[in-house]
Amino acid sequence: MALQETLRALSDPIRREILRLLRERRMSAGEISSHFDVTDAAISRHLSVLRDAGLVRDSREGKFIYYELNTSVLEDVVIWLNSLKGE
C-alpha cells in the first residue's frame, strides 16, 4: 500500500516539481507556492499528499511550517524499480 501511495503522489507534475525545489533546501509553504500559478489551497493539498506518502517532512517554527525532502522513501522506490530491471 505504501508504494502505491508514493507512486500516486509522484504521478502529478506539480508534486514532482515541489520535490525538485525541496531537493535544494527546505522551504515554507509560501515559498513553495510562489513558484506556481495555482492557489495556496492547491499547494497545501499537494503538500498534504506528499507528506502522507512520506516524501516530505514538515516542522513548525513559530508561525511557519517548513517542508523538506525525505529521501529514504525515494530510495525505497529506486530499489523497487531496480528490482524490476533485475538488479
N, C-alpha and C. Protein backbone atom coordinates (compact mmCIF):
# COMPACT_ATOMS: atom_id res chain seq x y z
N MET A 1 0.81 -1.20 0.00
CA MET A 1 0.00 0.00 0.00
C MET A 1 0.86 1.27 0.00
N ALA A 2 1.96 1.28 0.76
CA ALA A 2 2.80 2.47 0.83
C ALA A 2 3.40 2.81 -0.54
N LEU A 3 3.84 1.80 -1.29
CA LEU A 3 4.41 2.05 -2.60
C LEU A 3 3.35 2.64 -3.53
N GLN A 4 2.14 2.13 -3.47
CA GLN A 4 1.05 2.64 -4.30
C GLN A 4 0.79 4.12 -3.99
N GLU A 5 0.77 4.47 -2.72
CA GLU A 5 0.56 5.86 -2.32
C GLU A 5 1.71 6.75 -2.79
N THR A 6 2.92 6.24 -2.70
CA THR A 6 4.08 7.00 -3.14
C THR A 6 4.03 7.24 -4.65
N LEU A 7 3.72 6.20 -5.41
CA LEU A 7 3.66 6.34 -6.86
C LEU A 7 2.53 7.28 -7.27
N ARG A 8 1.41 7.25 -6.56
CA ARG A 8 0.31 8.16 -6.85
C ARG A 8 0.76 9.60 -6.59
N ALA A 9 1.48 9.82 -5.50
CA ALA A 9 1.97 11.16 -5.19
C ALA A 9 2.95 11.65 -6.26
N LEU A 10 3.77 10.75 -6.77
CA LEU A 10 4.75 11.11 -7.79
C LEU A 10 4.14 11.32 -9.17
N SER A 11 2.90 10.91 -9.36
CA SER A 11 2.28 10.98 -10.69
C SER A 11 1.92 12.40 -11.12
N ASP A 12 1.88 13.33 -10.18
CA ASP A 12 1.46 14.69 -10.51
C ASP A 12 2.67 15.59 -10.79
N PRO A 13 2.66 16.33 -11.91
CA PRO A 13 3.83 17.15 -12.25
C PRO A 13 4.10 18.28 -11.23
N ILE A 14 3.07 18.84 -10.63
CA ILE A 14 3.31 19.87 -9.62
C ILE A 14 4.01 19.28 -8.41
N ARG A 15 3.58 18.10 -7.98
CA ARG A 15 4.22 17.47 -6.83
C ARG A 15 5.67 17.10 -7.14
N ARG A 16 5.92 16.65 -8.36
CA ARG A 16 7.32 16.35 -8.74
C ARG A 16 8.17 17.61 -8.72
N GLU A 17 7.60 18.73 -9.16
CA GLU A 17 8.33 19.99 -9.13
C GLU A 17 8.57 20.46 -7.69
N ILE A 18 7.60 20.26 -6.82
CA ILE A 18 7.80 20.59 -5.40
C ILE A 18 8.97 19.79 -4.84
N LEU A 19 9.04 18.51 -5.16
CA LEU A 19 10.16 17.69 -4.69
C LEU A 19 11.48 18.20 -5.23
N ARG A 20 11.48 18.63 -6.49
CA ARG A 20 12.71 19.17 -7.08
C ARG A 20 13.14 20.43 -6.32
N LEU A 21 12.19 21.29 -5.99
CA LEU A 21 12.50 22.51 -5.23
C LEU A 21 13.07 22.16 -3.86
N LEU A 22 12.47 21.18 -3.22
CA LEU A 22 12.91 20.80 -1.87
C LEU A 22 14.25 20.07 -1.88
N ARG A 23 14.67 19.60 -3.03
CA ARG A 23 15.99 18.97 -3.14
C ARG A 23 17.07 20.00 -2.82
N GLU A 24 16.82 21.27 -3.15
CA GLU A 24 17.79 22.33 -2.93
C GLU A 24 17.86 22.76 -1.46
N ARG A 25 16.69 22.89 -0.82
CA ARG A 25 16.65 23.36 0.58
C ARG A 25 15.23 23.22 1.10
N ARG A 26 15.09 23.28 2.41
CA ARG A 26 13.76 23.26 3.00
C ARG A 26 13.09 24.60 2.73
N MET A 27 11.77 24.57 2.62
CA MET A 27 11.03 25.77 2.27
C MET A 27 9.70 25.81 3.02
N SER A 28 9.19 27.03 3.22
CA SER A 28 7.85 27.18 3.78
C SER A 28 6.83 26.98 2.66
N ALA A 29 5.59 26.77 3.04
CA ALA A 29 4.53 26.61 2.04
C ALA A 29 4.42 27.85 1.16
N GLY A 30 4.59 29.03 1.76
CA GLY A 30 4.53 30.27 0.98
C GLY A 30 5.64 30.36 -0.05
N GLU A 31 6.84 29.94 0.33
CA GLU A 31 7.96 29.94 -0.61
C GLU A 31 7.69 28.97 -1.75
N ILE A 32 7.17 27.81 -1.42
CA ILE A 32 6.84 26.81 -2.45
C ILE A 32 5.77 27.36 -3.38
N SER A 33 4.74 27.93 -2.79
CA SER A 33 3.61 28.45 -3.56
C SER A 33 4.02 29.52 -4.55
N SER A 34 5.03 30.30 -4.21
CA SER A 34 5.47 31.39 -5.09
C SER A 34 6.02 30.90 -6.43
N HIS A 35 6.32 29.62 -6.52
CA HIS A 35 6.86 29.04 -7.76
C HIS A 35 5.79 28.54 -8.71
N PHE A 36 4.52 28.63 -8.30
CA PHE A 36 3.45 28.04 -9.09
C PHE A 36 2.32 29.04 -9.33
N ASP A 37 1.61 28.84 -10.41
CA ASP A 37 0.46 29.67 -10.74
C ASP A 37 -0.83 28.93 -10.38
N VAL A 38 -0.89 28.48 -9.13
CA VAL A 38 -2.09 27.82 -8.60
C VAL A 38 -2.37 28.42 -7.22
N THR A 39 -3.52 28.14 -6.67
CA THR A 39 -3.90 28.71 -5.38
C THR A 39 -3.06 28.13 -4.25
N ASP A 40 -3.00 28.88 -3.16
CA ASP A 40 -2.32 28.38 -1.97
C ASP A 40 -2.98 27.11 -1.46
N ALA A 41 -4.31 27.04 -1.59
CA ALA A 41 -5.03 25.84 -1.16
C ALA A 41 -4.60 24.62 -1.97
N ALA A 42 -4.37 24.82 -3.27
CA ALA A 42 -3.93 23.70 -4.12
C ALA A 42 -2.54 23.23 -3.69
N ILE A 43 -1.64 24.17 -3.41
CA ILE A 43 -0.30 23.81 -2.95
C ILE A 43 -0.39 23.08 -1.62
N SER A 44 -1.26 23.55 -0.74
CA SER A 44 -1.45 22.89 0.56
C SER A 44 -1.89 21.45 0.37
N ARG A 45 -2.80 21.22 -0.56
CA ARG A 45 -3.27 19.85 -0.84
C ARG A 45 -2.13 18.99 -1.40
N HIS A 46 -1.35 19.54 -2.31
CA HIS A 46 -0.21 18.80 -2.87
C HIS A 46 0.79 18.44 -1.76
N LEU A 47 1.05 19.39 -0.87
CA LEU A 47 1.98 19.12 0.23
C LEU A 47 1.43 18.05 1.16
N SER A 48 0.13 18.05 1.36
CA SER A 48 -0.50 17.03 2.20
C SER A 48 -0.35 15.64 1.59
N VAL A 49 -0.54 15.55 0.28
CA VAL A 49 -0.38 14.26 -0.42
C VAL A 49 1.06 13.79 -0.31
N LEU A 50 2.01 14.70 -0.51
CA LEU A 50 3.42 14.34 -0.41
C LEU A 50 3.79 13.91 1.01
N ARG A 51 3.25 14.61 1.99
CA ARG A 51 3.53 14.26 3.39
C ARG A 51 2.92 12.90 3.74
N ASP A 52 1.67 12.67 3.31
CA ASP A 52 1.02 11.39 3.58
C ASP A 52 1.75 10.22 2.94
N ALA A 53 2.40 10.48 1.80
CA ALA A 53 3.17 9.44 1.11
C ALA A 53 4.57 9.29 1.71
N GLY A 54 4.91 10.16 2.65
CA GLY A 54 6.22 10.07 3.28
C GLY A 54 7.34 10.71 2.48
N LEU A 55 6.99 11.43 1.42
CA LEU A 55 8.01 12.02 0.57
C LEU A 55 8.57 13.33 1.11
N VAL A 56 7.80 13.99 1.97
CA VAL A 56 8.29 15.20 2.62
C VAL A 56 7.98 15.12 4.11
N ARG A 57 8.78 15.87 4.88
CA ARG A 57 8.55 16.03 6.31
C ARG A 57 8.27 17.50 6.56
N ASP A 58 7.52 17.78 7.60
CA ASP A 58 7.28 19.17 7.94
C ASP A 58 7.64 19.42 9.40
N SER A 59 8.01 20.66 9.69
CA SER A 59 8.32 21.06 11.06
C SER A 59 7.85 22.50 11.25
N ARG A 60 7.29 22.75 12.41
CA ARG A 60 6.78 24.09 12.71
C ARG A 60 7.86 24.88 13.43
N GLU A 61 8.06 26.10 12.96
CA GLU A 61 8.97 27.04 13.61
C GLU A 61 8.23 28.37 13.70
N GLY A 62 7.77 28.69 14.91
CA GLY A 62 6.97 29.89 15.08
C GLY A 62 5.66 29.74 14.33
N LYS A 63 5.36 30.71 13.48
CA LYS A 63 4.10 30.65 12.73
C LYS A 63 4.26 29.99 11.36
N PHE A 64 5.45 29.50 11.06
CA PHE A 64 5.70 28.90 9.75
C PHE A 64 5.86 27.38 9.86
N ILE A 65 5.45 26.70 8.80
CA ILE A 65 5.70 25.27 8.67
C ILE A 65 6.69 25.12 7.52
N TYR A 66 7.79 24.45 7.80
CA TYR A 66 8.81 24.22 6.78
C TYR A 66 8.74 22.78 6.30
N TYR A 67 8.96 22.60 5.00
CA TYR A 67 8.91 21.28 4.38
C TYR A 67 10.30 20.93 3.88
N GLU A 68 10.65 19.66 4.01
CA GLU A 68 11.93 19.17 3.50
C GLU A 68 11.73 17.79 2.90
N LEU A 69 12.60 17.47 1.97
CA LEU A 69 12.55 16.19 1.27
C LEU A 69 12.92 15.05 2.20
N ASN A 70 12.18 13.95 2.11
CA ASN A 70 12.50 12.73 2.85
C ASN A 70 13.03 11.72 1.82
N THR A 71 14.33 11.63 1.72
CA THR A 71 14.94 10.81 0.67
C THR A 71 14.82 9.31 0.91
N SER A 72 14.56 8.88 2.13
CA SER A 72 14.51 7.44 2.40
C SER A 72 13.38 6.77 1.62
N VAL A 73 12.24 7.45 1.47
CA VAL A 73 11.13 6.87 0.71
C VAL A 73 11.50 6.79 -0.76
N LEU A 74 12.18 7.81 -1.26
CA LEU A 74 12.61 7.79 -2.66
C LEU A 74 13.61 6.67 -2.91
N GLU A 75 14.47 6.41 -1.93
CA GLU A 75 15.43 5.31 -2.06
C GLU A 75 14.70 3.97 -2.16
N ASP A 76 13.63 3.81 -1.40
CA ASP A 76 12.84 2.58 -1.48
C ASP A 76 12.22 2.41 -2.86
N VAL A 77 11.76 3.50 -3.46
CA VAL A 77 11.19 3.43 -4.81
C VAL A 77 12.26 3.04 -5.82
N VAL A 78 13.45 3.61 -5.69
CA VAL A 78 14.54 3.27 -6.60
C VAL A 78 14.91 1.80 -6.47
N ILE A 79 14.98 1.30 -5.25
CA ILE A 79 15.28 -0.12 -5.03
C ILE A 79 14.23 -0.99 -5.69
N TRP A 80 12.97 -0.62 -5.54
CA TRP A 80 11.88 -1.40 -6.15
C TRP A 80 11.99 -1.37 -7.68
N LEU A 81 12.24 -0.17 -8.25
CA LEU A 81 12.38 -0.07 -9.70
C LEU A 81 13.56 -0.89 -10.20
N ASN A 82 14.67 -0.86 -9.48
CA ASN A 82 15.84 -1.66 -9.87
C ASN A 82 15.53 -3.15 -9.81
N SER A 83 14.68 -3.55 -8.87
CA SER A 83 14.33 -4.97 -8.80
C SER A 83 13.54 -5.41 -10.03
N LEU A 84 12.80 -4.50 -10.62
CA LEU A 84 12.06 -4.81 -11.85
C LEU A 84 13.02 -5.02 -13.02
N LYS A 85 14.13 -4.30 -12.97
CA LYS A 85 15.13 -4.42 -14.03
C LYS A 85 16.03 -5.64 -13.81
N GLY A 86 15.89 -6.28 -12.65
CA GLY A 86 16.71 -7.44 -12.36
C GLY A 86 18.04 -7.09 -11.72
N GLU A 87 18.13 -5.92 -11.14
CA GLU A 87 19.40 -5.50 -10.48
C GLU A 87 19.35 -5.77 -9.01
